[in-house]
Amino acid sequence: MSFRPVGGRDNPDMPHAAARSLHVPAWMTPHNLLRASMGVAVLTIALKTLAWWISGSVGLLSDALESFVNLAGAMFALAMVTVARRPADADHPYGHHKAEYFSSGFEGILIVGASIAILWAAVLRLMHPQPLEQLGWGMGLSLLSTACNGLLAWGMLRAAQVHRSLALEGDARHLMTDVWTSIGVVVGLLAASATGWTWMDPLVAIGVALNILREGGALIWRASQGLMDEAMEPTLLARVYTVLQEYGGASGGAVHFDSLTSRRAGARSFVDLHMHVPGRWTLAEAARQRSEVEQALMQAVPGLRATIELLPEDHDTVFEQKVQAGEEQP
């Protein structure tokens, strides 16, 4: 059985494709975890600001500034997750699932802004070095906040795969960036303390800024691709193809499918395809067979909405005829 996809390309595999093999506690919902992220962000802001105040390290200051971005990102992500859960209505017949992409894009913009602020502060400190004080306390407080962020990010990434939440995944990946940023800052402070080269502290801060600038750009890119109706993940599409191939084989070749297109919007996936049946079948019989296929697809891919158009064998839609004649772009 062959398929004729209409437009689009398969996209790189996403982490949440393996969600069915993961388990998280019932309380680890996107809403609860994002509220926890806000609380941890407030805690880390306090710890890292105190660490900067004690040590005077611009690297620790850059780390504290990024925690403000974490807080703003978590607040916006919580708002967008709430919007995404709204049911479909007359103005939004396909639901509000794409709201989560706005969260990812907004957080990316915040990260880019924070990286620019960090670069500015680091360049000024590089031009006017200052001695560092009480690094032990500063690094200790920074590592404590890093441990909190790392533990929360680990739980959020697992929950994001289970709930298929882009907003949760974006916030978790931002927290992981913060973890590696903090580790880099501590390494820079240790190097500055061991060598006496105070310029190493702002130099590490510049490296930190460039790293989170890259992460911010990646989040913005992912959000833009989601808003442009990306195809379903290859692993999920493979499940769809498997169901259709099995059904086509079980029918003895009487039924075949083509013109499959797909897209994803947050936790929801959509497929549209044609189901060709023998012309001698009654409409009731064809509709019953279609219902069986829809049920099998929804069981294979949780959160899937399948739209199947019934057509007699060897018949195409007007749009397909125009595509084949070169009058329309697929």
Protein backbone atom coordinates (compact mmCIF):
# COMPACT_ATOMS: atom_id res chain seq x y z
CA MET A 1 0.00 0.00 0.00
CA SER A 2 1.43 3.38 -0.97
CA PHE A 3 0.84 6.83 0.47
CA ARG A 4 0.96 10.15 -1.30
CA PRO A 5 1.71 12.80 1.31
CA VAL A 6 0.62 16.31 0.40
CA GLY A 7 3.32 18.81 1.27
CA GLY A 8 5.55 19.06 4.35
CA ARG A 9 8.54 17.10 5.57
CA ASP A 10 9.07 14.83 8.53
CA ASN A 11 10.70 16.63 11.42
CA PRO A 12 13.49 15.54 13.80
CA ASP A 13 12.35 13.21 16.51
CA MET A 14 11.14 14.89 19.67
CA PRO A 15 11.97 13.74 23.22
CA HIS A 16 8.33 13.22 24.20
CA ALA A 17 7.87 10.54 21.51
CA ALA A 18 8.80 7.94 24.13
CA ALA A 19 6.32 9.28 26.66
CA ARG A 20 4.32 6.08 26.90
CA SER A 21 7.27 4.33 28.57
CA LEU A 22 7.61 7.00 31.28
CA HIS A 23 5.72 7.38 34.54
CA VAL A 24 5.48 10.42 36.80
CA PRO A 25 3.46 11.01 39.98
CA ALA A 26 -0.09 12.25 39.47
CA TRP A 27 0.67 15.61 41.10
CA MET A 28 3.36 16.41 38.49
CA THR A 29 0.99 18.20 36.13
CA PRO A 30 2.20 21.12 33.96
CA HIS A 31 0.34 23.59 36.18
CA ASN A 32 1.82 22.30 39.43
CA LEU A 33 5.34 22.07 38.04
CA LEU A 34 5.25 25.57 36.59
CA ARG A 35 4.07 26.90 39.95
CA ALA A 36 7.00 25.05 41.53
CA SER A 37 9.29 26.60 38.91
CA MET A 38 8.12 30.06 39.95
CA GLY A 39 8.84 29.29 43.60
CA VAL A 40 12.30 27.89 42.85
CA ALA A 41 13.04 30.94 40.66
CA VAL A 42 12.29 33.27 43.57
CA LEU A 43 14.53 31.18 45.84
CA THR A 44 17.41 31.14 43.36
CA ILE A 45 17.11 34.89 42.76
CA ALA A 46 17.56 35.46 46.48
CA LEU A 47 20.47 33.02 46.79
CA LYS A 48 22.33 34.20 43.70
CA THR A 49 21.82 37.90 44.44
CA LEU A 50 23.22 37.31 47.92
CA ALA A 51 26.13 35.40 46.37
CA TRP A 52 26.89 38.35 44.06
CA TRP A 53 26.54 40.86 46.92
CA ILE A 54 29.02 38.92 49.04
CA SER A 55 31.61 38.20 46.35
CA GLY A 56 31.25 41.07 43.88
CA SER A 57 31.52 38.57 41.02
CA VAL A 58 30.00 39.71 37.73
CA GLY A 59 29.71 36.05 36.80
CA LEU A 60 27.40 35.48 39.76
CA LEU A 61 25.54 38.67 38.83
CA SER A 62 24.93 37.28 35.34
CA ASP A 63 23.65 34.08 36.93
CA ALA A 64 21.24 36.05 39.15
CA LEU A 65 19.92 38.05 36.18
CA GLU A 66 19.07 34.87 34.31
CA SER A 67 17.01 33.69 37.30
CA PHE A 68 14.74 36.70 36.79
CA VAL A 69 14.22 35.44 33.26
CA ASN A 70 13.37 32.02 34.70
CA LEU A 71 10.68 33.58 36.87
CA ALA A 72 9.14 35.61 34.04
CA GLY A 73 9.26 32.60 31.72
CA ALA A 74 7.55 30.31 34.24
CA MET A 75 4.79 32.87 34.86
CA PHE A 76 4.09 33.27 31.15
CA ALA A 77 4.28 29.51 30.57
CA LEU A 78 1.69 28.94 33.30
CA ALA A 79 -0.63 31.46 31.64
CA MET A 80 -0.23 29.83 28.22
CA VAL A 81 -0.75 26.30 29.57
CA THR A 82 -3.99 27.54 31.13
CA VAL A 83 -5.09 28.99 27.78
CA ALA A 84 -4.10 25.81 25.91
CA ARG A 85 -6.44 23.73 28.08
CA ARG A 86 -9.50 25.72 27.03
CA PRO A 87 -11.94 23.65 24.97
CA ALA A 88 -12.60 24.36 21.32
CA ASP A 89 -15.16 27.06 20.59
CA ALA A 90 -16.77 28.76 17.60
CA ASP A 91 -13.79 31.08 17.10
CA HIS A 92 -11.20 28.35 17.69
CA PRO A 93 -12.70 25.10 16.31
CA TYR A 94 -9.34 23.30 16.53
CA GLY A 95 -8.78 24.30 20.14
CA HIS A 96 -6.21 26.57 21.80
CA HIS A 97 -3.27 24.12 21.87
CA LYS A 98 -0.89 26.43 20.01
CA ALA A 99 -0.83 28.83 22.96
CA GLU A 100 2.13 26.84 24.30
CA TYR A 101 4.25 27.92 21.33
CA PHE A 102 3.85 31.54 22.41
CA SER A 103 5.31 30.56 25.78
CA SER A 104 8.38 29.05 24.14
CA GLY A 105 8.88 32.09 21.92
CA PHE A 106 8.39 34.56 24.77
CA GLU A 107 10.87 32.73 26.96
CA GLY A 108 13.37 32.71 24.11
CA ILE A 109 13.03 36.49 23.73
CA LEU A 110 13.59 36.94 27.48
CA ILE A 111 16.71 34.80 27.31
CA VAL A 112 18.10 36.85 24.43
CA GLY A 113 17.46 40.06 26.39
CA ALA A 114 19.17 38.67 29.49
CA SER A 115 22.20 37.57 27.46
CA ILE A 116 22.61 41.08 26.07
CA ALA A 117 22.48 42.55 29.60
CA ILE A 118 25.05 40.03 30.82
CA LEU A 119 27.38 40.81 27.89
CA TRP A 120 27.17 44.52 28.67
CA ALA A 121 27.99 44.04 32.37
CA ALA A 122 30.80 41.58 31.60
CA VAL A 123 32.47 43.86 29.04
CA LEU A 124 32.40 46.76 31.50
CA ARG A 125 33.96 44.59 34.21
CA LEU A 126 36.54 43.29 31.72
CA MET A 127 37.56 46.89 31.02
CA HIS A 128 37.59 47.79 34.73
CA PRO A 129 38.55 44.68 36.78
CA GLN A 130 37.73 44.55 40.48
CA PRO A 131 39.00 42.19 43.18
CA LEU A 132 36.76 39.29 44.22
CA GLU A 133 35.86 38.70 47.87
CA GLN A 134 34.48 35.80 49.94
CA LEU A 135 34.25 33.47 46.97
CA GLY A 136 33.59 30.46 49.17
CA TRP A 137 30.23 31.76 50.34
CA GLY A 138 29.33 33.06 46.90
CA MET A 139 30.07 29.77 45.17
CA GLY A 140 28.33 27.78 47.91
CA LEU A 141 25.10 29.74 47.55
CA SER A 142 25.29 29.47 43.77
CA LEU A 143 25.72 25.70 43.88
CA LEU A 144 22.79 25.34 46.29
CA SER A 145 20.48 27.15 43.90
CA THR A 146 21.91 25.12 41.01
CA ALA A 147 20.97 21.88 42.77
CA CYS A 148 17.39 23.13 43.20
CA ASN A 149 17.15 24.06 39.52
CA GLY A 150 18.67 20.79 38.35
CA LEU A 151 16.30 18.63 40.39
CA LEU A 152 13.24 20.57 39.23
CA ALA A 153 14.36 20.57 35.58
CA TRP A 154 14.83 16.79 35.64
CA GLY A 155 11.29 16.25 36.90
CA MET A 156 9.85 18.77 34.46
CA LEU A 157 11.51 17.14 31.45
CA ARG A 158 10.02 13.76 32.34
CA ALA A 159 6.59 15.28 32.92
CA ALA A 160 6.82 17.23 29.64
CA GLN A 161 7.26 13.96 27.74
CA VAL A 162 4.27 12.38 29.46
CA HIS A 163 1.97 15.39 29.06
CA ARG A 164 3.39 16.41 25.65
CA SER A 165 3.70 19.99 26.88
CA LEU A 166 6.00 22.27 24.87
CA ALA A 167 5.67 25.05 27.45
CA LEU A 168 6.81 22.70 30.23
CA GLU A 169 9.64 21.34 28.12
CA GLY A 170 10.81 24.85 27.20
CA ASP A 171 10.86 25.96 30.83
CA ALA A 172 12.72 22.79 31.84
CA ARG A 173 15.36 23.26 29.15
CA HIS A 174 15.80 26.85 30.24
CA LEU A 175 16.38 25.67 33.79
CA MET A 176 18.96 23.16 32.54
CA THR A 177 20.72 25.99 30.73
CA ASP A 178 20.75 27.85 34.04
CA VAL A 179 22.31 24.80 35.71
CA TRP A 180 25.17 24.62 33.22
CA THR A 181 25.55 28.38 33.36
CA SER A 182 25.98 28.27 37.13
CA ILE A 183 28.52 25.47 36.88
CA GLY A 184 30.47 27.50 34.31
CA VAL A 185 30.45 30.56 36.58
CA VAL A 186 31.77 28.55 39.53
CA VAL A 187 34.53 27.08 37.35
CA GLY A 188 35.48 30.59 36.25
CA LEU A 189 35.59 31.82 39.84
CA LEU A 190 37.77 28.90 40.89
CA ALA A 191 40.14 29.65 38.03
CA ALA A 192 40.26 33.36 38.92
CA SER A 193 40.90 32.53 42.57
CA ALA A 194 43.65 30.03 41.76
CA THR A 195 45.49 32.26 39.28
CA GLY A 196 44.71 35.72 40.62
CA TRP A 197 43.56 36.76 37.14
CA THR A 198 40.38 38.67 37.92
CA TRP A 199 39.66 39.12 34.19
CA MET A 200 38.72 35.44 34.02
CA ASP A 201 35.47 36.16 35.92
CA PRO A 202 34.01 38.54 33.28
CA LEU A 203 35.43 36.34 30.53
CA VAL A 204 33.41 33.40 31.84
CA ALA A 205 30.38 35.69 32.10
CA ILE A 206 30.74 36.46 28.39
CA GLY A 207 30.84 32.75 27.64
CA VAL A 208 27.72 32.28 29.75
CA ALA A 209 25.92 35.05 27.86
CA LEU A 210 26.79 33.55 24.48
CA ASN A 211 25.57 30.13 25.64
CA ILE A 212 22.17 31.35 26.80
CA LEU A 213 21.90 33.51 23.67
CA ARG A 214 22.14 30.30 21.65
CA GLU A 215 19.48 28.66 23.82
CA GLY A 216 17.16 31.64 23.43
CA GLY A 217 17.51 31.54 19.67
CA ALA A 218 16.72 27.82 19.64
CA LEU A 219 13.53 28.36 21.67
CA ILE A 220 12.37 31.13 19.35
CA TRP A 221 13.04 28.93 16.32
CA ARG A 222 11.07 26.02 17.76
CA ALA A 223 8.14 28.27 18.56
CA SER A 224 8.12 29.70 15.04
CA GLN A 225 8.16 26.22 13.50
CA GLY A 226 5.27 25.11 15.69
CA LEU A 227 3.19 28.10 14.62
CA MET A 228 3.87 27.16 11.00
CA ASP A 229 2.14 23.77 11.34
CA GLU A 230 5.03 21.32 11.57
CA ALA A 231 4.32 17.72 10.68
CA MET A 232 3.89 15.13 13.42
CA GLU A 233 7.01 13.51 14.83
CA PRO A 234 8.35 10.63 12.68
CA THR A 235 7.82 8.11 15.47
CA LEU A 236 4.15 9.04 15.77
CA LEU A 237 3.70 9.10 12.00
CA ALA A 238 5.18 5.61 11.90
CA ARG A 239 2.40 4.42 14.21
CA VAL A 240 -0.19 5.96 11.89
CA TYR A 241 1.33 4.26 8.83
CA THR A 242 1.47 0.93 10.67
CA VAL A 243 -2.24 1.06 11.52
CA LEU A 244 -3.20 1.95 7.94
CA GLN A 245 -0.97 -0.72 6.42
CA GLU A 246 -2.37 -3.38 8.76
CA TYR A 247 -5.93 -2.36 7.98
CA GLY A 248 -5.29 -2.26 4.24
CA GLY A 249 -3.75 -5.73 4.37
CA ALA A 250 -6.61 -7.12 6.46
CA SER A 251 -9.11 -5.88 3.85
CA GLY A 252 -7.40 -7.93 1.16
CA GLY A 253 -6.57 -4.81 -0.81
CA ALA A 254 -10.16 -3.65 -0.99
CA VAL A 255 -9.32 -0.53 1.03
CA HIS A 256 -6.34 1.75 0.57
CA PHE A 257 -5.28 5.14 1.88
CA ASP A 258 -3.43 8.10 0.40
CA SER A 259 -2.94 11.88 0.55
CA LEU A 260 -1.95 11.79 4.23
CA THR A 261 -0.99 15.11 5.80
CA SER A 262 -0.25 15.81 9.45
CA ARG A 263 0.43 18.64 11.83
CA ARG A 264 0.87 19.15 15.53
CA ALA A 265 -0.36 21.86 17.87
CA GLY A 266 0.98 21.55 21.40
CA ALA A 267 -0.23 18.26 22.88
CA ARG A 268 -2.69 17.65 20.05
CA SER A 269 -1.85 15.94 16.73
CA PHE A 270 -3.91 16.05 13.54
CA VAL A 271 -3.93 13.84 10.44
CA ASP A 272 -6.00 14.18 7.28
CA LEU A 273 -6.16 11.39 4.71
CA HIS A 274 -8.30 9.74 2.06
CA MET A 275 -9.79 6.27 2.43
CA HIS A 276 -10.63 4.63 -0.90
CA VAL A 277 -13.26 1.89 -0.78
CA PRO A 278 -14.94 -0.26 -3.45
CA GLY A 279 -17.66 1.60 -5.31
CA ARG A 280 -20.13 -1.22 -4.65
CA TRP A 281 -20.05 -0.62 -0.88
CA THR A 282 -22.97 1.16 0.71
CA LEU A 283 -22.30 4.46 2.46
CA ALA A 284 -23.22 2.88 5.80
CA GLU A 285 -20.68 0.07 5.32
CA ALA A 286 -17.94 2.50 4.30
CA ALA A 287 -18.69 4.75 7.29
CA ARG A 288 -18.51 1.77 9.66
CA GLN A 289 -15.11 0.79 8.28
CA ARG A 290 -13.89 4.36 8.59
CA SER A 291 -14.95 4.46 12.26
CA GLU A 292 -12.87 1.35 12.92
CA VAL A 293 -9.82 2.97 11.37
CA GLU A 294 -10.32 6.18 13.36
CA GLN A 295 -10.62 4.21 16.59
CA ALA A 296 -7.43 2.26 15.84
CA LEU A 297 -5.53 5.47 15.03
CA MET A 298 -6.61 7.19 18.24
CA GLN A 299 -5.54 4.18 20.28
CA ALA A 300 -2.14 4.12 18.58
CA VAL A 301 -1.52 7.86 19.00
CA PRO A 302 -3.02 9.47 22.14
CA GLY A 303 -4.29 12.99 21.53
CA LEU A 304 -4.74 12.39 17.80
CA ARG A 305 -7.59 13.91 15.81
CA ALA A 306 -8.03 12.01 12.53
CA THR A 307 -10.11 13.33 9.63
CA ILE A 308 -10.74 10.67 6.99
CA GLU A 309 -12.46 11.48 3.70
CA LEU A 310 -14.22 8.57 1.99
CA LEU A 311 -13.71 8.18 -1.76
CA PRO A 312 -14.57 5.44 -4.26
CA GLU A 313 -11.58 3.51 -5.56
CA ASP A 314 -9.67 5.18 -8.40
CA HIS A 315 -11.23 8.57 -7.67
CA ASP A 316 -9.35 11.70 -6.54
CA THR A 317 -10.47 15.05 -5.22
CA VAL A 318 -10.44 18.12 -7.48
CA PHE A 319 -7.47 19.49 -5.54
CA GLU A 320 -5.47 16.29 -6.14
CA GLN A 321 -6.33 16.36 -9.81
CA LYS A 322 -5.04 19.93 -10.04
CA VAL A 323 -1.84 18.96 -8.19
CA GLN A 324 -1.26 16.07 -10.58
CA ALA A 325 -1.86 18.38 -13.53
CA GLY A 326 0.63 20.91 -12.14
CA GLU A 327 -2.03 23.59 -11.61
CA GLU A 328 -1.65 23.63 -7.80
CA GLN A 329 1.28 23.36 -5.41
CA PRO A 330 1.06 20.39 -3.01
